[in-house]
Amino acid sequence: LTYTPRNWHGWFAGWASGFASTLANTGGPPFTIYLLLQSLQPVAFIGTVTLFFAVVNFLKIPLFLQQGLLDIETVLQLAWALPLLPLGVWLGRRSVDLFDQKLFERVLLVLLVGSVLLLIGTL
């Protein structure tokens, strides 16, 4: 099969990922499928995913505050994880250099199928 990119594919993937992320924090699969079809280099793929979900998650904050799903108590309970973020970023950046394009795409496909199966299993 040959994939021909269309502008609406990106819009749809963004909408589906944002919606799924807000509804059930499951926005990864639609966006991953879309980006895999773009044949991005691993560093560009990870950078794009990171920026996209940083924006999506930032935009969810007002809604979550309004709905009472996020409050100062919850933020304080999660604050312990903040010092671990730089370590995660460093490990992720070092790890991406271990994969060539084909291996990176295969690992992503395995993780994608696994996550979709887990999501289906929780229905």
PDB file of N, CA and C in Angstrom:
ATOM      1  N   LEU A   1       0.829  -1.187   0.000  1.00  0.00           N
ATOM      2  CA  LEU A   1       0.000   0.000   0.000  1.00  0.00           C
ATOM      3  C   LEU A   1       0.870   1.247   0.000  1.00  0.00           C
ATOM      4  N   THR A   2       0.435   2.247  -0.709  1.00  0.00           N
ATOM      5  CA  THR A   2       1.149   3.513  -0.755  1.00  0.00           C
ATOM      6  C   THR A   2       0.310   4.573  -0.056  1.00  0.00           C
ATOM      7  N   TYR A   3       0.956   5.324   0.819  1.00  0.00           N
ATOM      8  CA  TYR A   3       0.264   6.386   1.550  1.00  0.00           C
ATOM      9  C   TYR A   3       0.489   7.716   0.852  1.00  0.00           C
ATOM     10  N   THR A   4      -0.589   8.426   0.596  1.00  0.00           N
ATOM     11  CA  THR A   4      -0.517   9.769   0.034  1.00  0.00           C
ATOM     12  C   THR A   4      -1.009  10.749   1.090  1.00  0.00           C
ATOM     13  N   PRO A   5      -0.105  11.573   1.635  1.00  0.00           N
ATOM     14  CA  PRO A   5      -0.513  12.510   2.691  1.00  0.00           C
ATOM     15  C   PRO A   5      -1.533  13.533   2.195  1.00  0.00           C
ATOM     16  N   ARG A   6      -2.469  13.841   3.048  1.00  0.00           N
ATOM     17  CA  ARG A   6      -3.459  14.887   2.802  1.00  0.00           C
ATOM     18  C   ARG A   6      -3.506  15.775   4.038  1.00  0.00           C
ATOM     19  N   ASN A   7      -3.750  17.063   3.852  1.00  0.00           N
ATOM     20  CA  ASN A   7      -3.807  17.984   4.989  1.00  0.00           C
ATOM     21  C   ASN A   7      -4.820  17.554   6.034  1.00  0.00           C
ATOM     22  N   TRP A   8      -5.963  17.051   5.591  1.00  0.00           N
ATOM     23  CA  TRP A   8      -7.002  16.697   6.549  1.00  0.00           C
ATOM     24  C   TRP A   8      -6.585  15.527   7.435  1.00  0.00           C
ATOM     25  N   HIS A   9      -5.651  14.709   6.991  1.00  0.00           N
ATOM     26  CA  HIS A   9      -5.173  13.600   7.830  1.00  0.00           C
ATOM     27  C   HIS A   9      -4.565  14.139   9.119  1.00  0.00           C
ATOM     28  N   GLY A  10      -3.752  15.182   8.984  1.00  0.00           N
ATOM     29  CA  GLY A  10      -3.135  15.791  10.159  1.00  0.00           C
ATOM     30  C   GLY A  10      -4.158  16.427  11.078  1.00  0.00           C
ATOM     31  N   TRP A  11      -5.116  17.135  10.479  1.00  0.00           N
ATOM     32  CA  TRP A  11      -6.175  17.752  11.289  1.00  0.00           C
ATOM     33  C   TRP A  11      -6.974  16.686  12.031  1.00  0.00           C
ATOM     34  N   PHE A  12      -7.316  15.605  11.327  1.00  0.00           N
ATOM     35  CA  PHE A  12      -8.096  14.542  11.963  1.00  0.00           C
ATOM     36  C   PHE A  12      -7.299  13.855  13.069  1.00  0.00           C
ATOM     37  N   ALA A  13      -6.036  13.560  12.804  1.00  0.00           N
ATOM     38  CA  ALA A  13      -5.195  12.919  13.830  1.00  0.00           C
ATOM     39  C   ALA A  13      -5.058  13.820  15.045  1.00  0.00           C
ATOM     40  N   GLY A  14      -4.882  15.116  14.816  1.00  0.00           N
ATOM     41  CA  GLY A  14      -4.784  16.058  15.933  1.00  0.00           C
ATOM     42  C   GLY A  14      -6.065  16.120  16.736  1.00  0.00           C
ATOM     43  N   TRP A  15      -7.202  16.182  16.037  1.00  0.00           N
ATOM     44  CA  TRP A  15      -8.494  16.223  16.726  1.00  0.00           C
ATOM     45  C   TRP A  15      -8.729  14.934  17.515  1.00  0.00           C
ATOM     46  N   ALA A  16      -8.523  13.789  16.856  1.00  0.00           N
ATOM     47  CA  ALA A  16      -8.763  12.502  17.513  1.00  0.00           C
ATOM     48  C   ALA A  16      -7.851  12.329  18.724  1.00  0.00           C
ATOM     49  N   SER A  17      -6.606  12.729  18.596  1.00  0.00           N
ATOM     50  CA  SER A  17      -5.668  12.596  19.711  1.00  0.00           C
ATOM     51  C   SER A  17      -6.018  13.543  20.849  1.00  0.00           C
ATOM     52  N   GLY A  18      -6.360  14.769  20.522  1.00  0.00           N
ATOM     53  CA  GLY A  18      -6.750  15.726  21.557  1.00  0.00           C
ATOM     54  C   GLY A  18      -8.008  15.293  22.280  1.00  0.00           C
ATOM     55  N   PHE A  19      -8.993  14.821  21.525  1.00  0.00           N
ATOM     56  CA  PHE A  19     -10.251  14.353  22.114  1.00  0.00           C
ATOM     57  C   PHE A  19     -10.008  13.145  23.016  1.00  0.00           C
ATOM     58  N   ALA A  20      -9.288  12.145  22.491  1.00  0.00           N
ATOM     59  CA  ALA A  20      -9.023  10.936  23.273  1.00  0.00           C
ATOM     60  C   ALA A  20      -8.165  11.241  24.493  1.00  0.00           C
ATOM     61  N   SER A  21      -7.240  12.169  24.348  1.00  0.00           N
ATOM     62  CA  SER A  21      -6.393  12.542  25.475  1.00  0.00           C
ATOM     63  C   SER A  21      -7.205  13.219  26.572  1.00  0.00           C
ATOM     64  N   THR A  22      -8.117  14.091  26.181  1.00  0.00           N
ATOM     65  CA  THR A  22      -8.944  14.782  27.167  1.00  0.00           C
ATOM     66  C   THR A  22      -9.948  13.837  27.803  1.00  0.00           C
ATOM     67  N   LEU A  23     -10.539  12.967  27.009  1.00  0.00           N
ATOM     68  CA  LEU A  23     -11.566  12.058  27.503  1.00  0.00           C
ATOM     69  C   LEU A  23     -10.998  10.971  28.406  1.00  0.00           C
ATOM     70  N   ALA A  24      -9.914  10.339  27.971  1.00  0.00           N
ATOM     71  CA  ALA A  24      -9.419   9.174  28.708  1.00  0.00           C
ATOM     72  C   ALA A  24      -7.901   9.071  28.738  1.00  0.00           C
ATOM     73  N   ASN A  25      -7.198  10.145  28.417  1.00  0.00           N
ATOM     74  CA  ASN A  25      -5.736  10.151  28.386  1.00  0.00           C
ATOM     75  C   ASN A  25      -5.181   9.053  27.473  1.00  0.00           C
ATOM     76  N   THR A  26      -5.854   8.864  26.333  1.00  0.00           N
ATOM     77  CA  THR A  26      -5.464   7.823  25.382  1.00  0.00           C
ATOM     78  C   THR A  26      -5.231   8.395  23.981  1.00  0.00           C
ATOM     79  N   GLY A  27      -4.638   9.560  23.913  1.00  0.00           N
ATOM     80  CA  GLY A  27      -4.449  10.220  22.627  1.00  0.00           C
ATOM     81  C   GLY A  27      -3.261   9.741  21.821  1.00  0.00           C
ATOM     82  N   GLY A  28      -2.436   8.904  22.399  1.00  0.00           N
ATOM     83  CA  GLY A  28      -1.225   8.468  21.712  1.00  0.00           C
ATOM     84  C   GLY A  28      -1.433   7.689  20.431  1.00  0.00           C
ATOM     85  N   PRO A  29      -2.290   6.672  20.412  1.00  0.00           N
ATOM     86  CA  PRO A  29      -2.413   5.855  19.201  1.00  0.00           C
ATOM     87  C   PRO A  29      -2.775   6.607  17.922  1.00  0.00           C
ATOM     88  N   PRO A  30      -3.794   7.475  17.904  1.00  0.00           N
ATOM     89  CA  PRO A  30      -4.086   8.143  16.625  1.00  0.00           C
ATOM     90  C   PRO A  30      -2.925   9.002  16.118  1.00  0.00           C
ATOM     91  N   PHE A  31      -2.271   9.696  17.030  1.00  0.00           N
ATOM     92  CA  PHE A  31      -1.171  10.570  16.627  1.00  0.00           C
ATOM     93  C   PHE A  31       0.045   9.748  16.203  1.00  0.00           C
ATOM     94  N   THR A  32       0.291   8.651  16.887  1.00  0.00           N
ATOM     95  CA  THR A  32       1.410   7.774  16.528  1.00  0.00           C
ATOM     96  C   THR A  32       1.222   7.193  15.136  1.00  0.00           C
ATOM     97  N   ILE A  33       0.011   6.733  14.837  1.00  0.00           N
ATOM     98  CA  ILE A  33      -0.262   6.189  13.500  1.00  0.00           C
ATOM     99  C   ILE A  33       0.012   7.251  12.438  1.00  0.00           C
ATOM    100  N   TYR A  34      -0.512   8.445  12.666  1.00  0.00           N
ATOM    101  CA  TYR A  34      -0.313   9.533  11.702  1.00  0.00           C
ATOM    102  C   TYR A  34       1.171   9.839  11.506  1.00  0.00           C
ATOM    103  N   LEU A  35       1.904   9.963  12.601  1.00  0.00           N
ATOM    104  CA  LEU A  35       3.323  10.309  12.476  1.00  0.00           C
ATOM    105  C   LEU A  35       4.143   9.178  11.871  1.00  0.00           C
ATOM    106  N   LEU A  36       3.786   7.933  12.156  1.00  0.00           N
ATOM    107  CA  LEU A  36       4.502   6.820  11.527  1.00  0.00           C
ATOM    108  C   LEU A  36       4.378   6.891  10.006  1.00  0.00           C
ATOM    109  N   LEU A  37       3.226   7.307   9.530  1.00  0.00           N
ATOM    110  CA  LEU A  37       3.025   7.424   8.085  1.00  0.00           C
ATOM    111  C   LEU A  37       3.833   8.565   7.467  1.00  0.00           C
ATOM    112  N   GLN A  38       4.333   9.474   8.289  1.00  0.00           N
ATOM    113  CA  GLN A  38       5.121  10.608   7.794  1.00  0.00           C
ATOM    114  C   GLN A  38       6.599  10.261   7.628  1.00  0.00           C
ATOM    115  N   SER A  39       7.020   9.090   8.106  1.00  0.00           N
ATOM    116  CA  SER A  39       8.414   8.628   8.000  1.00  0.00           C
ATOM    117  C   SER A  39       9.411   9.630   8.569  1.00  0.00           C
ATOM    118  N   LEU A  40       9.098  10.168   9.741  1.00  0.00           N
ATOM    119  CA  LEU A  40      10.008  11.104  10.402  1.00  0.00           C
ATOM    120  C   LEU A  40      11.194  10.363  11.005  1.00  0.00           C
ATOM    121  N   GLN A  41      12.323  11.030  11.075  1.00  0.00           N
ATOM    122  CA  GLN A  41      13.464  10.484  11.797  1.00  0.00           C
ATOM    123  C   GLN A  41      13.086  10.384  13.275  1.00  0.00           C
ATOM    124  N   PRO A  42      13.679   9.447  14.020  1.00  0.00           N
ATOM    125  CA  PRO A  42      13.302   9.272  15.430  1.00  0.00           C
ATOM    126  C   PRO A  42      13.331  10.553  16.266  1.00  0.00           C
ATOM    127  N   VAL A  43      14.363  11.374  16.118  1.00  0.00           N
ATOM    128  CA  VAL A  43      14.449  12.602  16.919  1.00  0.00           C
ATOM    129  C   VAL A  43      13.308  13.554  16.556  1.00  0.00           C
ATOM    130  N   ALA A  44      12.993  13.685  15.274  1.00  0.00           N
ATOM    131  CA  ALA A  44      11.892  14.554  14.842  1.00  0.00           C
ATOM    132  C   ALA A  44      10.555  14.000  15.323  1.00  0.00           C
ATOM    133  N   PHE A  45      10.400  12.686  15.278  1.00  0.00           N
ATOM    134  CA  PHE A  45       9.171  12.047  15.753  1.00  0.00           C
ATOM    135  C   PHE A  45       8.948  12.362  17.228  1.00  0.00           C
ATOM    136  N   ILE A  46       9.966  12.139  18.035  1.00  0.00           N
ATOM    137  CA  ILE A  46       9.849  12.356  19.479  1.00  0.00           C
ATOM    138  C   ILE A  46       9.630  13.833  19.791  1.00  0.00           C
ATOM    139  N   GLY A  47      10.330  14.703  19.092  1.00  0.00           N
ATOM    140  CA  GLY A  47      10.134  16.134  19.302  1.00  0.00           C
ATOM    141  C   GLY A  47       8.720  16.574  18.963  1.00  0.00           C
ATOM    142  N   THR A  48       8.177  16.048  17.874  1.00  0.00           N
ATOM    143  CA  THR A  48       6.820  16.395  17.460  1.00  0.00           C
ATOM    144  C   THR A  48       5.795  15.895  18.469  1.00  0.00           C
ATOM    145  N   VAL A  49       5.947  14.653  18.907  1.00  0.00           N
ATOM    146  CA  VAL A  49       5.021  14.088  19.903  1.00  0.00           C
ATOM    147  C   VAL A  49       5.098  14.875  21.208  1.00  0.00           C
ATOM    148  N   THR A  50       6.308  15.194  21.628  1.00  0.00           N
ATOM    149  CA  THR A  50       6.489  15.933  22.885  1.00  0.00           C
ATOM    150  C   THR A  50       5.819  17.295  22.823  1.00  0.00           C
ATOM    151  N   LEU A  51       6.049  18.027  21.751  1.00  0.00           N
ATOM    152  CA  LEU A  51       5.447  19.352  21.621  1.00  0.00           C
ATOM    153  C   LEU A  51       3.925  19.259  21.521  1.00  0.00           C
ATOM    154  N   PHE A  52       3.435  18.334  20.714  1.00  0.00           N
ATOM    155  CA  PHE A  52       1.988  18.192  20.536  1.00  0.00           C
ATOM    156  C   PHE A  52       1.294  17.925  21.868  1.00  0.00           C
ATOM    157  N   PHE A  53       1.790  16.935  22.620  1.00  0.00           N
ATOM    158  CA  PHE A  53       1.107  16.586  23.864  1.00  0.00           C
ATOM    159  C   PHE A  53       1.370  17.592  24.982  1.00  0.00           C
ATOM    160  N   ALA A  54       2.469  18.328  24.912  1.00  0.00           N
ATOM    161  CA  ALA A  54       2.663  19.418  25.876  1.00  0.00           C
ATOM    162  C   ALA A  54       1.581  20.473  25.668  1.00  0.00           C
ATOM    163  N   VAL A  55       1.315  20.817  24.414  1.00  0.00           N
ATOM    164  CA  VAL A  55       0.267  21.799  24.115  1.00  0.00           C
ATOM    165  C   VAL A  55      -1.106  21.253  24.491  1.00  0.00           C
ATOM    166  N   VAL A  56      -1.402  20.012  24.100  1.00  0.00           N
ATOM    167  CA  VAL A  56      -2.701  19.404  24.431  1.00  0.00           C
ATOM    168  C   VAL A  56      -2.912  19.391  25.940  1.00  0.00           C
ATOM    169  N   ASN A  57      -1.916  18.945  26.677  1.00  0.00           N
ATOM    170  CA  ASN A  57      -2.070  18.857  28.130  1.00  0.00           C
ATOM    171  C   ASN A  57      -2.186  20.234  28.776  1.00  0.00           C
ATOM    172  N   PHE A  58      -1.475  21.208  28.255  1.00  0.00           N
ATOM    173  CA  PHE A  58      -1.590  22.576  28.767  1.00  0.00           C
ATOM    174  C   PHE A  58      -3.002  23.116  28.528  1.00  0.00           C
ATOM    175  N   LEU A  59      -3.558  22.824  27.354  1.00  0.00           N
ATOM    176  CA  LEU A  59      -4.903  23.299  27.028  1.00  0.00           C
ATOM    177  C   LEU A  59      -5.989  22.608  27.856  1.00  0.00           C
ATOM    178  N   LYS A  60      -5.694  21.429  28.388  1.00  0.00           N
ATOM    179  CA  LYS A  60      -6.682  20.719  29.212  1.00  0.00           C
ATOM    180  C   LYS A  60      -6.804  21.306  30.615  1.00  0.00           C
ATOM    181  N   ILE A  61      -5.803  22.031  31.070  1.00  0.00           N
ATOM    182  CA  ILE A  61      -5.785  22.523  32.458  1.00  0.00           C
ATOM    183  C   ILE A  61      -7.028  23.339  32.812  1.00  0.00           C
ATOM    184  N   PRO A  62      -7.425  24.355  32.020  1.00  0.00           N
ATOM    185  CA  PRO A  62      -8.618  25.122  32.405  1.00  0.00           C
ATOM    186  C   PRO A  62      -9.883  24.258  32.520  1.00  0.00           C
ATOM    187  N   LEU A  63     -10.065  23.335  31.585  1.00  0.00           N
ATOM    188  CA  LEU A  63     -11.229  22.448  31.632  1.00  0.00           C
ATOM    189  C   LEU A  63     -11.200  21.579  32.884  1.00  0.00           C
ATOM    190  N   PHE A  64     -10.041  21.020  33.185  1.00  0.00           N
ATOM    191  CA  PHE A  64      -9.926  20.163  34.364  1.00  0.00           C
ATOM    192  C   PHE A  64     -10.135  20.953  35.650  1.00  0.00           C
ATOM    193  N   LEU A  65      -9.651  22.189  35.691  1.00  0.00           N
ATOM    194  CA  LEU A  65      -9.882  23.042  36.862  1.00  0.00           C
ATOM    195  C   LEU A  65     -11.372  23.343  37.014  1.00  0.00           C
ATOM    196  N   GLN A  66     -12.014  23.695  35.911  1.00  0.00           N
ATOM    197  CA  GLN A  66     -13.433  24.029  35.942  1.00  0.00           C
ATOM    198  C   GLN A  66     -14.281  22.834  36.379  1.00  0.00           C
ATOM    199  N   GLN A  67     -13.907  21.639  35.957  1.00  0.00           N
ATOM    200  CA  GLN A  67     -14.665  20.440  36.290  1.00  0.00           C
ATOM    201  C   GLN A  67     -14.306  19.874  37.663  1.00  0.00           C
ATOM    202  N   GLY A  68     -13.341  20.479  38.321  1.00  0.00           N
ATOM    203  CA  GLY A  68     -12.928  19.995  39.632  1.00  0.00           C
ATOM    204  C   GLY A  68     -12.065  18.748  39.580  1.00  0.00           C
ATOM    205  N   LEU A  69     -11.527  18.440  38.405  1.00  0.00           N
ATOM    206  CA  LEU A  69     -10.675  17.258  38.250  1.00  0.00           C
ATOM    207  C   LEU A  69      -9.231  17.535  38.636  1.00  0.00           C
ATOM    208  N   LEU A  70      -8.897  18.802  38.744  1.00  0.00           N
ATOM    209  CA  LEU A  70      -7.545  19.205  39.103  1.00  0.00           C
ATOM    210  C   LEU A  70      -7.651  20.305  40.145  1.00  0.00           C
ATOM    211  N   ASP A  71      -6.950  20.106  41.254  1.00  0.00           N
ATOM    212  CA  ASP A  71      -6.933  21.122  42.304  1.00  0.00           C
ATOM    213  C   ASP A  71      -5.538  21.156  42.915  1.00  0.00           C
ATOM    214  N   ILE A  72      -5.313  22.085  43.814  1.00  0.00           N
ATOM    215  CA  ILE A  72      -3.981  22.260  44.394  1.00  0.00           C
ATOM    216  C   ILE A  72      -3.540  21.014  45.148  1.00  0.00           C
ATOM    217  N   GLU A  73      -4.472  20.327  45.785  1.00  0.00           N
ATOM    218  CA  GLU A  73      -4.129  19.104  46.517  1.00  0.00           C
ATOM    219  C   GLU A  73      -3.582  18.035  45.568  1.00  0.00           C
ATOM    220  N   THR A  74      -4.227  17.879  44.427  1.00  0.00           N
ATOM    221  CA  THR A  74      -3.763  16.905  43.434  1.00  0.00           C
ATOM    222  C   THR A  74      -2.390  17.292  42.902  1.00  0.00           C
ATOM    223  N   VAL A  75      -2.210  18.566  42.618  1.00  0.00           N
ATOM    224  CA  VAL A  75      -0.915  19.046  42.118  1.00  0.00           C
ATOM    225  C   VAL A  75       0.184  18.756  43.135  1.00  0.00           C
ATOM    226  N   LEU A  76      -0.093  19.011  44.404  1.00  0.00           N
ATOM    227  CA  LEU A  76       0.905  18.756  45.452  1.00  0.00           C
ATOM    228  C   LEU A  76       1.204  17.265  45.593  1.00  0.00           C
ATOM    229  N   GLN A  77       0.201  16.415  45.404  1.00  0.00           N
ATOM    230  CA  GLN A  77       0.425  14.970  45.478  1.00  0.00           C
ATOM    231  C   GLN A  77       1.334  14.482  44.354  1.00  0.00           C
ATOM    232  N   LEU A  78       1.309  15.174  43.236  1.00  0.00           N
ATOM    233  CA  LEU A  78       2.114  14.772  42.081  1.00  0.00           C
ATOM    234  C   LEU A  78       3.450  15.497  41.989  1.00  0.00           C
ATOM    235  N   ALA A  79       3.666  16.468  42.855  1.00  0.00           N
ATOM    236  CA  ALA A  79       4.867  17.305  42.784  1.00  0.00           C
ATOM    237  C   ALA A  79       6.159  16.507  42.943  1.00  0.00           C
ATOM    238  N   TRP A  80       6.109  15.377  43.626  1.00  0.00           N
ATOM    239  CA  TRP A  80       7.312  14.569  43.829  1.00  0.00           C
ATOM    240  C   TRP A  80       7.920  14.131  42.496  1.00  0.00           C
ATOM    241  N   ALA A  81       7.099  14.037  41.456  1.00  0.00           N
ATOM    242  CA  ALA A  81       7.587  13.555  40.162  1.00  0.00           C
ATOM    243  C   ALA A  81       8.349  14.626  39.377  1.00  0.00           C
ATOM    244  N   LEU A  82       8.163  15.885  39.704  1.00  0.00           N
ATOM    245  CA  LEU A  82       8.805  16.960  38.938  1.00  0.00           C
ATOM    246  C   LEU A  82      10.322  16.837  38.855  1.00  0.00           C
ATOM    247  N   PRO A  83      11.025  16.520  39.955  1.00  0.00           N
ATOM    248  CA  PRO A  83      12.480  16.385  39.831  1.00  0.00           C
ATOM    249  C   PRO A  83      12.916  15.226  38.924  1.00  0.00           C
ATOM    250  N   LEU A  84      12.017  14.283  38.663  1.00  0.00           N
ATOM    251  CA  LEU A  84      12.356  13.151  37.801  1.00  0.00           C
ATOM    252  C   LEU A  84      12.245  13.484  36.314  1.00  0.00           C
ATOM    253  N   LEU A  85      11.578  14.573  35.982  1.00  0.00           N
ATOM    254  CA  LEU A  85      11.397  14.937  34.577  1.00  0.00           C
ATOM    255  C   LEU A  85      12.714  15.112  33.822  1.00  0.00           C
ATOM    256  N   PRO A  86      13.686  15.854  34.349  1.00  0.00           N
ATOM    257  CA  PRO A  86      14.947  15.975  33.600  1.00  0.00           C
ATOM    258  C   PRO A  86      15.627  14.620  33.365  1.00  0.00           C
ATOM    259  N   LEU A  87      15.544  13.731  34.339  1.00  0.00           N
ATOM    260  CA  LEU A  87      16.126  12.397  34.162  1.00  0.00           C
ATOM    261  C   LEU A  87      15.420  11.651  33.030  1.00  0.00           C
ATOM    262  N   GLY A  88      14.103  11.722  33.001  1.00  0.00           N
ATOM    263  CA  GLY A  88      13.343  11.074  31.930  1.00  0.00           C
ATOM    264  C   GLY A  88      13.676  11.642  30.563  1.00  0.00           C
ATOM    265  N   VAL A  89      13.807  12.952  30.489  1.00  0.00           N
ATOM    266  CA  VAL A  89      14.172  13.600  29.224  1.00  0.00           C
ATOM    267  C   VAL A  89      15.564  13.152  28.788  1.00  0.00           C
ATOM    268  N   TRP A  90      16.499  13.136  29.712  1.00  0.00           N
ATOM    269  CA  TRP A  90      17.871  12.734  29.388  1.00  0.00           C
ATOM    270  C   TRP A  90      17.913  11.276  28.921  1.00  0.00           C
ATOM    271  N   LEU A  91      17.232  10.382  29.652  1.00  0.00           N
ATOM    272  CA  LEU A  91      17.214   8.967  29.264  1.00  0.00           C
ATOM    273  C   LEU A  91      16.551   8.766  27.903  1.00  0.00           C
ATOM    274  N   GLY A  92      15.458   9.471  27.680  1.00  0.00           N
ATOM    275  CA  GLY A  92      14.771   9.362  26.394  1.00  0.00           C
ATOM    276  C   GLY A  92      15.635   9.840  25.247  1.00  0.00           C
ATOM    277  N   ARG A  93      16.310  10.949  25.447  1.00  0.00           N
ATOM    278  CA  ARG A  93      17.160  11.493  24.386  1.00  0.00           C
ATOM    279  C   ARG A  93      18.339  10.570  24.090  1.00  0.00           C
ATOM    280  N   ARG A  94      18.912   9.988  25.136  1.00  0.00           N
ATOM    281  CA  ARG A  94      20.022   9.040  24.938  1.00  0.00           C
ATOM    282  C   ARG A  94      19.531   7.766  24.249  1.00  0.00           C
ATOM    283  N   SER A  95      18.344   7.321  24.602  1.00  0.00           N
ATOM    284  CA  SER A  95      17.805   6.071  24.061  1.00  0.00           C
ATOM    285  C   SER A  95      17.494   6.166  22.577  1.00  0.00           C
ATOM    286  N   VAL A  96      17.014   7.302  22.124  1.00  0.00           N
ATOM    287  CA  VAL A  96      16.614   7.426  20.725  1.00  0.00           C
ATOM    288  C   VAL A  96      17.802   7.236  19.786  1.00  0.00           C
ATOM    289  N   ASP A  97      18.989   7.540  20.238  1.00  0.00           N
ATOM    290  CA  ASP A  97      20.181   7.356  19.406  1.00  0.00           C
ATOM    291  C   ASP A  97      20.533   5.883  19.205  1.00  0.00           C
ATOM    292  N   LEU A  98      19.935   4.998  19.997  1.00  0.00           N
ATOM    293  CA  LEU A  98      20.212   3.570  19.873  1.00  0.00           C
ATOM    294  C   LEU A  98      19.435   2.918  18.730  1.00  0.00           C
ATOM    295  N   PHE A  99      18.451   3.616  18.186  1.00  0.00           N
ATOM    296  CA  PHE A  99      17.566   3.038  17.180  1.00  0.00           C
ATOM    297  C   PHE A  99      17.814   3.646  15.812  1.00  0.00           C
ATOM    298  N   ASP A 100      17.912   2.781  14.793  1.00  0.00           N
ATOM    299  CA  ASP A 100      17.875   3.310  13.439  1.00  0.00           C
ATOM    300  C   ASP A 100      16.399   3.454  13.042  1.00  0.00           C
ATOM    301  N   GLN A 101      16.150   4.010  11.880  1.00  0.00           N
ATOM    302  CA  GLN A 101      14.784   4.315  11.449  1.00  0.00           C
ATOM    303  C   GLN A 101      13.884   3.076  11.462  1.00  0.00           C
ATOM    304  N   LYS A 102      14.341   1.986  10.878  1.00  0.00           N
ATOM    305  CA  LYS A 102      13.512   0.775  10.779  1.00  0.00           C
ATOM    306  C   LYS A 102      13.220   0.177  12.147  1.00  0.00           C
ATOM    307  N   LEU A 103      14.242   0.068  12.985  1.00  0.00           N
ATOM    308  CA  LEU A 103      14.034  -0.492  14.320  1.00  0.00           C
ATOM    309  C   LEU A 103      13.108   0.406  15.138  1.00  0.00           C
ATOM    310  N   PHE A 104      13.292   1.709  15.026  1.00  0.00           N
ATOM    311  CA  PHE A 104      12.438   2.663  15.729  1.00  0.00           C
ATOM    312  C   PHE A 104      10.975   2.461  15.330  1.00  0.00           C
ATOM    313  N   GLU A 105      10.713   2.354  14.029  1.00  0.00           N
ATOM    314  CA  GLU A 105       9.344   2.159  13.553  1.00  0.00           C
ATOM    315  C   GLU A 105       8.780   0.825  14.015  1.00  0.00           C
ATOM    316  N   ARG A 106       9.592  -0.219  14.020  1.00  0.00           N
ATOM    317  CA  ARG A 106       9.114  -1.532  14.489  1.00  0.00           C
ATOM    318  C   ARG A 106       8.772  -1.506  15.970  1.00  0.00           C
ATOM    319  N   VAL A 107       9.641  -0.888  16.771  1.00  0.00           N
ATOM    320  CA  VAL A 107       9.377  -0.775  18.210  1.00  0.00           C
ATOM    321  C   VAL A 107       8.090   0.012  18.433  1.00  0.00           C
ATOM    322  N   LEU A 108       7.914   1.105  17.702  1.00  0.00           N
ATOM    323  CA  LEU A 108       6.686   1.894  17.835  1.00  0.00           C
ATOM    324  C   LEU A 108       5.454   1.082  17.461  1.00  0.00           C
ATOM    325  N   LEU A 109       5.540   0.306  16.396  1.00  0.00           N
ATOM    326  CA  LEU A 109       4.396  -0.514  15.991  1.00  0.00           C
ATOM    327  C   LEU A 109       4.048  -1.552  17.050  1.00  0.00           C
ATOM    328  N   VAL A 110       5.055  -2.189  17.629  1.00  0.00           N
ATOM    329  CA  VAL A 110       4.806  -3.167  18.694  1.00  0.00           C
ATOM    330  C   VAL A 110       4.148  -2.487  19.891  1.00  0.00           C
ATOM    331  N   LEU A 111       4.679  -1.335  20.293  1.00  0.00           N
ATOM    332  CA  LEU A 111       4.090  -0.597  21.415  1.00  0.00           C
ATOM    333  C   LEU A 111       2.682  -0.114  21.086  1.00  0.00           C
ATOM    334  N   LEU A 112       2.468   0.303  19.854  1.00  0.00           N
ATOM    335  CA  LEU A 112       1.150   0.766  19.428  1.00  0.00           C
ATOM    336  C   LEU A 112       0.129  -0.369  19.486  1.00  0.00           C
ATOM    337  N   VAL A 113       0.471  -1.511  18.912  1.00  0.00           N
ATOM    338  CA  VAL A 113      -0.439  -2.661  18.944  1.00  0.00           C
ATOM    339  C   VAL A 113      -0.696  -3.088  20.385  1.00  0.00           C
ATOM    340  N   GLY A 114       0.353  -3.126  21.196  1.00  0.00           N
ATOM    341  CA  GLY A 114       0.183  -3.497  22.602  1.00  0.00           C
ATOM    342  C   GLY A 114      -0.734  -2.545  23.344  1.00  0.00           C
ATOM    343  N   SER A 115      -0.562  -1.247  23.121  1.00  0.00           N
ATOM    344  CA  SER A 115      -1.410  -0.279  23.828  1.00  0.00           C
ATOM    345  C   SER A 115      -2.853  -0.356  23.349  1.00  0.00           C
ATOM    346  N   VAL A 116      -3.054  -0.571  22.058  1.00  0.00           N
ATOM    347  CA  VAL A 116      -4.421  -0.706  21.540  1.00  0.00           C
ATOM    348  C   VAL A 116      -5.081  -1.958  22.116  1.00  0.00           C
ATOM    349  N   LEU A 117      -4.352  -3.052  22.186  1.00  0.00           N
ATOM    350  CA  LEU A 117      -4.917  -4.276  22.773  1.00  0.00           C
ATOM    351  C   LEU A 117      -5.264  -4.077  24.246  1.00  0.00           C
ATOM    352  N   LEU A 118      -4.409  -3.371  24.974  1.00  0.00           N
ATOM    353  CA  LEU A 118      -4.720  -3.073  26.379  1.00  0.00           C
ATOM    354  C   LEU A 118      -5.960  -2.196  26.499  1.00  0.00           C
ATOM    355  N   LEU A 119      -6.078  -1.213  25.621  1.00  0.00           N
ATOM    356  CA  LEU A 119      -7.261  -0.349  25.650  1.00  0.00           C
ATOM    357  C   LEU A 119      -8.526  -1.132  25.326  1.00  0.00           C
ATOM    358  N   ILE A 120      -8.459  -2.000  24.339  1.00  0.00           N
ATOM    359  CA  ILE A 120      -9.619  -2.824  23.986  1.00  0.00           C
ATOM    360  C   ILE A 120      -9.973  -3.754  25.140  1.00  0.00           C
ATOM    361  N   GLY A 121      -8.955  -4.279  25.803  1.00  0.00           N
ATOM    362  CA  GLY A 121      -9.185  -5.192  26.925  1.00  0.00           C
ATOM    363  C   GLY A 121      -9.821  -4.537  28.132  1.00  0.00           C
ATOM    364  N   THR A 122      -9.750  -3.218  28.228  1.00  0.00           N
ATOM    365  CA  THR A 122     -10.345  -2.533  29.379  1.00  0.00           C
ATOM    366  C   THR A 122     -11.767  -2.072  29.106  1.00  0.00           C
ATOM    367  N   LEU A 123     -12.283  -2.323  27.905  1.00  0.00           N
ATOM    368  CA  LEU A 123     -13.660  -1.895  27.589  1.00  0.00           C
ATOM    369  C   LEU A 123     -14.688  -2.718  28.315  1.00  0.00           C
TER     370      LEU A 123
END
